[in-house]
Amino acid sequence: MVATKVIDRDCGELEARVRGFLGRHPFPVLRRLHVEMDGDAAILQGIVGSYYERQVAIECCKRVAGVRRVVDQIRVDAPTPIPPPYQR
């Protein structure tokens, strides 16, 4: 049981580091992603506007010391373009 508490605490610290790393990134959308840890695996959930933002989030998490695997559950939902005004 003691080992479980140590692992839980370590996961909490690792999750905080991942959140902090995403929070310091210049893309504001990365700050809104949901992060959970399952051992040394970071689980990312949320919606971004492009595949580039998704890839940046994944690569950011891989750079955090202690993260061995990233589980990508990010959805890309690009905004619908507004059509130009009707011209006659």
PDB file of N, CA and C in Angstrom:
ATOM      1  N   MET A   1       0.824  -1.197   0.000  1.00  0.00           N
ATOM      2  CA  MET A   1       0.000   0.000   0.000  1.00  0.00           C
ATOM      3  C   MET A   1       0.866   1.257   0.000  1.00  0.00           C
ATOM      4  N   VAL A   2       1.982   1.241   0.683  1.00  0.00           N
ATOM      5  CA  VAL A   2       2.886   2.383   0.698  1.00  0.00           C
ATOM      6  C   VAL A   2       3.408   2.657  -0.701  1.00  0.00           C
ATOM      7  N   ALA A   3       3.743   1.594  -1.442  1.00  0.00           N
ATOM      8  CA  ALA A   3       4.249   1.766  -2.801  1.00  0.00           C
ATOM      9  C   ALA A   3       3.210   2.431  -3.681  1.00  0.00           C
ATOM     10  N   THR A   4       1.936   2.103  -3.491  1.00  0.00           N
ATOM     11  CA  THR A   4       0.868   2.712  -4.276  1.00  0.00           C
ATOM     12  C   THR A   4       0.799   4.211  -4.025  1.00  0.00           C
ATOM     13  N   LYS A   5       0.943   4.621  -2.758  1.00  0.00           N
ATOM     14  CA  LYS A   5       0.900   6.045  -2.440  1.00  0.00           C
ATOM     15  C   LYS A   5       2.068   6.784  -3.082  1.00  0.00           C
ATOM     16  N   VAL A   6       3.235   6.165  -3.081  1.00  0.00           N
ATOM     17  CA  VAL A   6       4.401   6.790  -3.715  1.00  0.00           C
ATOM     18  C   VAL A   6       4.152   6.942  -5.211  1.00  0.00           C
ATOM     19  N   ILE A   7       3.613   5.899  -5.832  1.00  0.00           N
ATOM     20  CA  ILE A   7       3.331   5.968  -7.274  1.00  0.00           C
ATOM     21  C   ILE A   7       2.292   7.042  -7.559  1.00  0.00           C
ATOM     22  N   ASP A   8       1.222   7.109  -6.744  1.00  0.00           N
ATOM     23  CA  ASP A   8       0.196   8.127  -6.940  1.00  0.00           C
ATOM     24  C   ASP A   8       0.779   9.523  -6.812  1.00  0.00           C
ATOM     25  N   ARG A   9       1.631   9.728  -5.800  1.00  0.00           N
ATOM     26  CA  ARG A   9       2.241  11.038  -5.616  1.00  0.00           C
ATOM     27  C   ARG A   9       3.132  11.382  -6.804  1.00  0.00           C
ATOM     28  N   ASP A  10       3.926  10.397  -7.260  1.00  0.00           N
ATOM     29  CA  ASP A  10       4.789  10.622  -8.413  1.00  0.00           C
ATOM     30  C   ASP A  10       3.971  10.956  -9.652  1.00  0.00           C
ATOM     31  N   CYS A  11       2.839  10.267  -9.832  1.00  0.00           N
ATOM     32  CA  CYS A  11       1.970  10.557 -10.979  1.00  0.00           C
ATOM     33  C   CYS A  11       1.427  11.975 -10.890  1.00  0.00           C
ATOM     34  N   GLY A  12       1.076  12.403  -9.675  1.00  0.00           N
ATOM     35  CA  GLY A  12       0.574  13.761  -9.485  1.00  0.00           C
ATOM     36  C   GLY A  12       1.628  14.801  -9.815  1.00  0.00           C
ATOM     37  N   GLU A  13       2.853  14.542  -9.384  1.00  0.00           N
ATOM     38  CA  GLU A  13       3.946  15.467  -9.681  1.00  0.00           C
ATOM     39  C   GLU A  13       4.248  15.492 -11.175  1.00  0.00           C
ATOM     40  N   LEU A  14       4.217  14.326 -11.805  1.00  0.00           N
ATOM     41  CA  LEU A  14       4.475  14.237 -13.239  1.00  0.00           C
ATOM     42  C   LEU A  14       3.365  14.933 -14.016  1.00  0.00           C
ATOM     43  N   GLU A  15       2.123  14.722 -13.581  1.00  0.00           N
ATOM     44  CA  GLU A  15       0.993  15.397 -14.233  1.00  0.00           C
ATOM     45  C   GLU A  15       1.126  16.909 -14.115  1.00  0.00           C
ATOM     46  N   ALA A  16       1.538  17.392 -12.964  1.00  0.00           N
ATOM     47  CA  ALA A  16       1.733  18.830 -12.764  1.00  0.00           C
ATOM     48  C   ALA A  16       2.825  19.364 -13.683  1.00  0.00           C
ATOM     49  N   ARG A  17       3.894  18.587 -13.859  1.00  0.00           N
ATOM     50  CA  ARG A  17       4.965  19.028 -14.767  1.00  0.00           C
ATOM     51  C   ARG A  17       4.482  19.088 -16.206  1.00  0.00           C
ATOM     52  N   VAL A  18       3.693  18.090 -16.622  1.00  0.00           N
ATOM     53  CA  VAL A  18       3.157  18.087 -17.988  1.00  0.00           C
ATOM     54  C   VAL A  18       2.237  19.292 -18.180  1.00  0.00           C
ATOM     55  N   ARG A  19       1.338  19.529 -17.218  1.00  0.00           N
ATOM     56  CA  ARG A  19       0.425  20.676 -17.306  1.00  0.00           C
ATOM     57  C   ARG A  19       1.209  21.992 -17.360  1.00  0.00           C
ATOM     58  N   GLY A  20       2.254  22.087 -16.532  1.00  0.00           N
ATOM     59  CA  GLY A  20       3.071  23.293 -16.531  1.00  0.00           C
ATOM     60  C   GLY A  20       3.780  23.515 -17.848  1.00  0.00           C
ATOM     61  N   PHE A  21       4.275  22.443 -18.432  1.00  0.00           N
ATOM     62  CA  PHE A  21       4.974  22.535 -19.707  1.00  0.00           C
ATOM     63  C   PHE A  21       4.013  23.003 -20.806  1.00  0.00           C
ATOM     64  N   LEU A  22       2.809  22.417 -20.843  1.00  0.00           N
ATOM     65  CA  LEU A  22       1.806  22.837 -21.829  1.00  0.00           C
ATOM     66  C   LEU A  22       1.348  24.268 -21.548  1.00  0.00           C
ATOM     67  N   GLY A  23       1.254  24.627 -20.278  1.00  0.00           N
ATOM     68  CA  GLY A  23       0.791  25.962 -19.900  1.00  0.00           C
ATOM     69  C   GLY A  23       1.751  27.072 -20.288  1.00  0.00           C
ATOM     70  N   ARG A  24       3.016  26.746 -20.414  1.00  0.00           N
ATOM     71  CA  ARG A  24       4.010  27.759 -20.804  1.00  0.00           C
ATOM     72  C   ARG A  24       4.185  27.862 -22.311  1.00  0.00           C
ATOM     73  N   HIS A  25       3.490  27.007 -23.050  1.00  0.00           N
ATOM     74  CA  HIS A  25       3.641  27.031 -24.510  1.00  0.00           C
ATOM     75  C   HIS A  25       2.893  28.229 -25.089  1.00  0.00           C
ATOM     76  N   PRO A  26       3.412  28.823 -26.181  1.00  0.00           N
ATOM     77  CA  PRO A  26       2.748  30.001 -26.744  1.00  0.00           C
ATOM     78  C   PRO A  26       1.383  29.734 -27.395  1.00  0.00           C
ATOM     79  N   PHE A  27       1.031  28.477 -27.665  1.00  0.00           N
ATOM     80  CA  PHE A  27      -0.302  28.190 -28.217  1.00  0.00           C
ATOM     81  C   PHE A  27      -1.301  28.108 -27.072  1.00  0.00           C
ATOM     82  N   PRO A  28      -2.233  29.047 -26.956  1.00  0.00           N
ATOM     83  CA  PRO A  28      -3.185  29.027 -25.837  1.00  0.00           C
ATOM     84  C   PRO A  28      -4.041  27.760 -25.794  1.00  0.00           C
ATOM     85  N   VAL A  29      -4.308  27.157 -26.941  1.00  0.00           N
ATOM     86  CA  VAL A  29      -5.164  25.971 -26.976  1.00  0.00           C
ATOM     87  C   VAL A  29      -4.551  24.819 -26.182  1.00  0.00           C
ATOM     88  N   LEU A  30      -3.239  24.763 -26.072  1.00  0.00           N
ATOM     89  CA  LEU A  30      -2.592  23.684 -25.331  1.00  0.00           C
ATOM     90  C   LEU A  30      -2.868  23.779 -23.834  1.00  0.00           C
ATOM     91  N   ARG A  31      -3.141  24.988 -23.355  1.00  0.00           N
ATOM     92  CA  ARG A  31      -3.443  25.180 -21.927  1.00  0.00           C
ATOM     93  C   ARG A  31      -4.801  24.610 -21.558  1.00  0.00           C
ATOM     94  N   ARG A  32      -5.655  24.414 -22.546  1.00  0.00           N
ATOM     95  CA  ARG A  32      -7.010  23.914 -22.285  1.00  0.00           C
ATOM     96  C   ARG A  32      -7.124  22.400 -22.408  1.00  0.00           C
ATOM     97  N   LEU A  33      -6.046  21.719 -22.752  1.00  0.00           N
ATOM     98  CA  LEU A  33      -6.093  20.264 -22.864  1.00  0.00           C
ATOM     99  C   LEU A  33      -6.181  19.623 -21.486  1.00  0.00           C
ATOM    100  N   HIS A  34      -6.884  18.523 -21.419  1.00  0.00           N
ATOM    101  CA  HIS A  34      -7.005  17.754 -20.174  1.00  0.00           C
ATOM    102  C   HIS A  34      -5.868  16.728 -20.146  1.00  0.00           C
ATOM    103  N   VAL A  35      -5.172  16.662 -19.028  1.00  0.00           N
ATOM    104  CA  VAL A  35      -4.036  15.751 -18.872  1.00  0.00           C
ATOM    105  C   VAL A  35      -4.317  14.805 -17.710  1.00  0.00           C
ATOM    106  N   GLU A  36      -4.133  13.521 -17.950  1.00  0.00           N
ATOM    107  CA  GLU A  36      -4.180  12.512 -16.894  1.00  0.00           C
ATOM    108  C   GLU A  36      -2.931  11.661 -17.035  1.00  0.00           C
ATOM    109  N   MET A  37      -2.491  11.098 -15.932  1.00  0.00           N
ATOM    110  CA  MET A  37      -1.344  10.204 -15.964  1.00  0.00           C
ATOM    111  C   MET A  37      -1.793   8.802 -15.603  1.00  0.00           C
ATOM    112  N   ASP A  38      -1.264   7.835 -16.324  1.00  0.00           N
ATOM    113  CA  ASP A  38      -1.456   6.421 -16.004  1.00  0.00           C
ATOM    114  C   ASP A  38      -0.054   5.835 -15.909  1.00  0.00           C
ATOM    115  N   GLY A  39       0.503   5.902 -14.703  1.00  0.00           N
ATOM    116  CA  GLY A  39       1.901   5.503 -14.536  1.00  0.00           C
ATOM    117  C   GLY A  39       2.790   6.532 -15.211  1.00  0.00           C
ATOM    118  N   ASP A  40       3.580   6.081 -16.181  1.00  0.00           N
ATOM    119  CA  ASP A  40       4.457   7.007 -16.910  1.00  0.00           C
ATOM    120  C   ASP A  40       3.875   7.398 -18.273  1.00  0.00           C
ATOM    121  N   ALA A  41       2.582   7.124 -18.481  1.00  0.00           N
ATOM    122  CA  ALA A  41       1.901   7.479 -19.733  1.00  0.00           C
ATOM    123  C   ALA A  41       1.044   8.720 -19.517  1.00  0.00           C
ATOM    124  N   ALA A  42       1.240   9.723 -20.355  1.00  0.00           N
ATOM    125  CA  ALA A  42       0.422  10.934 -20.313  1.00  0.00           C
ATOM    126  C   ALA A  42      -0.755  10.741 -21.267  1.00  0.00           C
ATOM    127  N   ILE A  43      -1.961  10.936 -20.767  1.00  0.00           N
ATOM    128  CA  ILE A  43      -3.172  10.821 -21.581  1.00  0.00           C
ATOM    129  C   ILE A  43      -3.664  12.232 -21.851  1.00  0.00           C
ATOM    130  N   LEU A  44      -3.692  12.611 -23.124  1.00  0.00           N
ATOM    131  CA  LEU A  44      -4.120  13.951 -23.523  1.00  0.00           C
ATOM    132  C   LEU A  44      -5.510  13.880 -24.123  1.00  0.00           C
ATOM    133  N   GLN A  45      -6.402  14.756 -23.654  1.00  0.00           N
ATOM    134  CA  GLN A  45      -7.759  14.824 -24.164  1.00  0.00           C
ATOM    135  C   GLN A  45      -8.126  16.282 -24.388  1.00  0.00           C
ATOM    136  N   GLY A  46      -8.966  16.512 -25.384  1.00  0.00           N
ATOM    137  CA  GLY A  46      -9.436  17.858 -25.655  1.00  0.00           C
ATOM    138  C   GLY A  46      -9.588  18.076 -27.142  1.00  0.00           C
ATOM    139  N   ILE A  47      -9.832  19.316 -27.494  1.00  0.00           N
ATOM    140  CA  ILE A  47     -10.063  19.690 -28.891  1.00  0.00           C
ATOM    141  C   ILE A  47      -9.076  20.783 -29.262  1.00  0.00           C
ATOM    142  N   VAL A  48      -8.443  20.614 -30.407  1.00  0.00           N
ATOM    143  CA  VAL A  48      -7.557  21.643 -30.978  1.00  0.00           C
ATOM    144  C   VAL A  48      -8.057  21.988 -32.370  1.00  0.00           C
ATOM    145  N   GLY A  49      -7.533  23.058 -32.925  1.00  0.00           N
ATOM    146  CA  GLY A  49      -8.017  23.546 -34.211  1.00  0.00           C
ATOM    147  C   GLY A  49      -7.258  23.043 -35.424  1.00  0.00           C
ATOM    148  N   SER A  50      -6.146  22.348 -35.213  1.00  0.00           N
ATOM    149  CA  SER A  50      -5.381  21.870 -36.365  1.00  0.00           C
ATOM    150  C   SER A  50      -4.566  20.637 -35.980  1.00  0.00           C
ATOM    151  N   TYR A  51      -4.160  19.886 -36.992  1.00  0.00           N
ATOM    152  CA  TYR A  51      -3.303  18.725 -36.750  1.00  0.00           C
ATOM    153  C   TYR A  51      -1.926  19.168 -36.264  1.00  0.00           C
ATOM    154  N   TYR A  52      -1.514  20.354 -36.658  1.00  0.00           N
ATOM    155  CA  TYR A  52      -0.231  20.880 -36.195  1.00  0.00           C
ATOM    156  C   TYR A  52      -0.258  21.096 -34.674  1.00  0.00           C
ATOM    157  N   GLU A  53      -1.342  21.713 -34.166  1.00  0.00           N
ATOM    158  CA  GLU A  53      -1.461  21.937 -32.723  1.00  0.00           C
ATOM    159  C   GLU A  53      -1.485  20.600 -31.978  1.00  0.00           C
ATOM    160  N   ARG A  54      -2.140  19.623 -32.551  1.00  0.00           N
ATOM    161  CA  ARG A  54      -2.190  18.287 -31.948  1.00  0.00           C
ATOM    162  C   ARG A  54      -0.781  17.703 -31.836  1.00  0.00           C
ATOM    163  N   GLN A  55      -0.022  17.789 -32.921  1.00  0.00           N
ATOM    164  CA  GLN A  55       1.333  17.247 -32.933  1.00  0.00           C
ATOM    165  C   GLN A  55       2.246  17.993 -31.961  1.00  0.00           C
ATOM    166  N   VAL A  56       2.074  19.314 -31.882  1.00  0.00           N
ATOM    167  CA  VAL A  56       2.874  20.108 -30.948  1.00  0.00           C
ATOM    168  C   VAL A  56       2.589  19.666 -29.511  1.00  0.00           C
ATOM    169  N   ALA A  57       1.317  19.432 -29.178  1.00  0.00           N
ATOM    170  CA  ALA A  57       0.956  18.983 -27.828  1.00  0.00           C
ATOM    171  C   ALA A  57       1.612  17.645 -27.505  1.00  0.00           C
ATOM    172  N   ILE A  58       1.557  16.728 -28.432  1.00  0.00           N
ATOM    173  CA  ILE A  58       2.143  15.398 -28.227  1.00  0.00           C
ATOM    174  C   ILE A  58       3.653  15.509 -28.032  1.00  0.00           C
ATOM    175  N   GLU A  59       4.311  16.272 -28.886  1.00  0.00           N
ATOM    176  CA  GLU A  59       5.763  16.415 -28.791  1.00  0.00           C
ATOM    177  C   GLU A  59       6.171  17.125 -27.504  1.00  0.00           C
ATOM    178  N   CYS A  60       5.375  18.099 -27.058  1.00  0.00           N
ATOM    179  CA  CYS A  60       5.665  18.781 -25.789  1.00  0.00           C
ATOM    180  C   CYS A  60       5.663  17.789 -24.635  1.00  0.00           C
ATOM    181  N   CYS A  61       4.662  16.916 -24.611  1.00  0.00           N
ATOM    182  CA  CYS A  61       4.555  15.941 -23.521  1.00  0.00           C
ATOM    183  C   CYS A  61       5.710  14.956 -23.539  1.00  0.00           C
ATOM    184  N   LYS A  62       6.159  14.579 -24.723  1.00  0.00           N
ATOM    185  CA  LYS A  62       7.278  13.644 -24.828  1.00  0.00           C
ATOM    186  C   LYS A  62       8.562  14.217 -24.250  1.00  0.00           C
ATOM    187  N   ARG A  63       8.659  15.534 -24.194  1.00  0.00           N
ATOM    188  CA  ARG A  63       9.873  16.187 -23.708  1.00  0.00           C
ATOM    189  C   ARG A  63       9.932  16.313 -22.191  1.00  0.00           C
ATOM    190  N   VAL A  64       8.822  16.012 -21.520  1.00  0.00           N
ATOM    191  CA  VAL A  64       8.795  16.104 -20.056  1.00  0.00           C
ATOM    192  C   VAL A  64       9.492  14.877 -19.473  1.00  0.00           C
ATOM    193  N   ALA A  65      10.464  15.118 -18.600  1.00  0.00           N
ATOM    194  CA  ALA A  65      11.200  14.018 -17.977  1.00  0.00           C
ATOM    195  C   ALA A  65      10.248  13.128 -17.186  1.00  0.00           C
ATOM    196  N   GLY A  66      10.311  11.838 -17.440  1.00  0.00           N
ATOM    197  CA  GLY A  66       9.464  10.877 -16.746  1.00  0.00           C
ATOM    198  C   GLY A  66       8.319  10.349 -17.588  1.00  0.00           C
ATOM    199  N   VAL A  67       7.958  11.075 -18.639  1.00  0.00           N
ATOM    200  CA  VAL A  67       6.894  10.610 -19.537  1.00  0.00           C
ATOM    201  C   VAL A  67       7.519   9.632 -20.529  1.00  0.00           C
ATOM    202  N   ARG A  68       7.027   8.409 -20.518  1.00  0.00           N
ATOM    203  CA  ARG A  68       7.554   7.381 -21.419  1.00  0.00           C
ATOM    204  C   ARG A  68       6.654   7.150 -22.622  1.00  0.00           C
ATOM    205  N   ARG A  69       5.373   7.518 -22.459  1.00  0.00           N
ATOM    206  CA  ARG A  69       4.413   7.255 -23.528  1.00  0.00           C
ATOM    207  C   ARG A  69       3.341   8.333 -23.475  1.00  0.00           C
ATOM    208  N   VAL A  70       2.823   8.712 -24.664  1.00  0.00           N
ATOM    209  CA  VAL A  70       1.732   9.683 -24.754  1.00  0.00           C
ATOM    210  C   VAL A  70       0.557   8.999 -25.437  1.00  0.00           C
ATOM    211  N   VAL A  71      -0.587   9.016 -24.767  1.00  0.00           N
ATOM    212  CA  VAL A  71      -1.818   8.473 -25.334  1.00  0.00           C
ATOM    213  C   VAL A  71      -2.596   9.651 -25.901  1.00  0.00           C
ATOM    214  N   ASP A  72      -2.738   9.666 -27.204  1.00  0.00           N
ATOM    215  CA  ASP A  72      -3.366  10.783 -27.911  1.00  0.00           C
ATOM    216  C   ASP A  72      -4.868  10.545 -28.044  1.00  0.00           C
ATOM    217  N   GLN A  73      -5.635  11.309 -27.280  1.00  0.00           N
ATOM    218  CA  GLN A  73      -7.086  11.293 -27.404  1.00  0.00           C
ATOM    219  C   GLN A  73      -7.582  12.684 -27.768  1.00  0.00           C
ATOM    220  N   ILE A  74      -6.744  13.440 -28.463  1.00  0.00           N
ATOM    221  CA  ILE A  74      -7.059  14.807 -28.876  1.00  0.00           C
ATOM    222  C   ILE A  74      -7.876  14.760 -30.160  1.00  0.00           C
ATOM    223  N   ARG A  75      -8.912  15.563 -30.198  1.00  0.00           N
ATOM    224  CA  ARG A  75      -9.743  15.662 -31.400  1.00  0.00           C
ATOM    225  C   ARG A  75      -9.416  16.967 -32.122  1.00  0.00           C
ATOM    226  N   VAL A  76      -9.270  16.880 -33.438  1.00  0.00           N
ATOM    227  CA  VAL A  76      -9.025  18.068 -34.248  1.00  0.00           C
ATOM    228  C   VAL A  76     -10.361  18.503 -34.828  1.00  0.00           C
ATOM    229  N   ASP A  77     -10.744  19.718 -34.514  1.00  0.00           N
ATOM    230  CA  ASP A  77     -12.015  20.263 -34.978  1.00  0.00           C
ATOM    231  C   ASP A  77     -11.746  21.660 -35.525  1.00  0.00           C
ATOM    232  N   ALA A  78     -11.323  21.691 -36.778  1.00  0.00           N
ATOM    233  CA  ALA A  78     -11.002  22.972 -37.411  1.00  0.00           C
ATOM    234  C   ALA A  78     -12.279  23.796 -37.550  1.00  0.00           C
ATOM    235  N   PRO A  79     -12.196  25.093 -37.298  1.00  0.00           N
ATOM    236  CA  PRO A  79     -13.385  25.925 -37.435  1.00  0.00           C
ATOM    237  C   PRO A  79     -13.891  25.930 -38.873  1.00  0.00           C
ATOM    238  N   THR A  80     -15.202  25.960 -39.013  1.00  0.00           N
ATOM    239  CA  THR A  80     -15.808  26.014 -40.343  1.00  0.00           C
ATOM    240  C   THR A  80     -15.561  27.389 -40.937  1.00  0.00           C
ATOM    241  N   PRO A  81     -15.015  27.434 -42.157  1.00  0.00           N
ATOM    242  CA  PRO A  81     -14.766  28.744 -42.772  1.00  0.00           C
ATOM    243  C   PRO A  81     -16.086  29.464 -43.063  1.00  0.00           C
ATOM    244  N   ILE A  82     -16.061  30.752 -42.877  1.00  0.00           N
ATOM    245  CA  ILE A  82     -17.243  31.570 -43.181  1.00  0.00           C
ATOM    246  C   ILE A  82     -17.227  31.878 -44.667  1.00  0.00           C
ATOM    247  N   PRO A  83     -18.321  31.533 -45.367  1.00  0.00           N
ATOM    248  CA  PRO A  83     -18.338  31.791 -46.813  1.00  0.00           C
ATOM    249  C   PRO A  83     -18.352  33.297 -47.086  1.00  0.00           C
ATOM    250  N   PRO A  84     -17.792  33.688 -48.219  1.00  0.00           N
ATOM    251  CA  PRO A  84     -17.802  35.116 -48.567  1.00  0.00           C
ATOM    252  C   PRO A  84     -19.248  35.574 -48.792  1.00  0.00           C
ATOM    253  N   PRO A  85     -19.493  36.869 -48.649  1.00  0.00           N
ATOM    254  CA  PRO A  85     -20.854  37.369 -48.863  1.00  0.00           C
ATOM    255  C   PRO A  85     -21.312  37.073 -50.294  1.00  0.00           C
ATOM    256  N   TYR A  86     -22.594  36.862 -50.415  1.00  0.00           N
ATOM    257  CA  TYR A  86     -23.176  36.578 -51.729  1.00  0.00           C
ATOM    258  C   TYR A  86     -22.999  37.771 -52.646  1.00  0.00           C
ATOM    259  N   GLN A  87     -22.494  37.511 -53.824  1.00  0.00           N
ATOM    260  CA  GLN A  87     -22.274  38.568 -54.839  1.00  0.00           C
ATOM    261  C   GLN A  87     -23.220  38.365 -55.995  1.00  0.00           C
ATOM    262  N   ARG A  88     -23.798  39.412 -56.503  1.00  0.00           N
ATOM    263  CA  ARG A  88     -24.646  39.299 -57.709  1.00  0.00           C
ATOM    264  C   ARG A  88     -23.885  39.717 -58.914  1.00  0.00           C
TER     265      ARG A  88
END
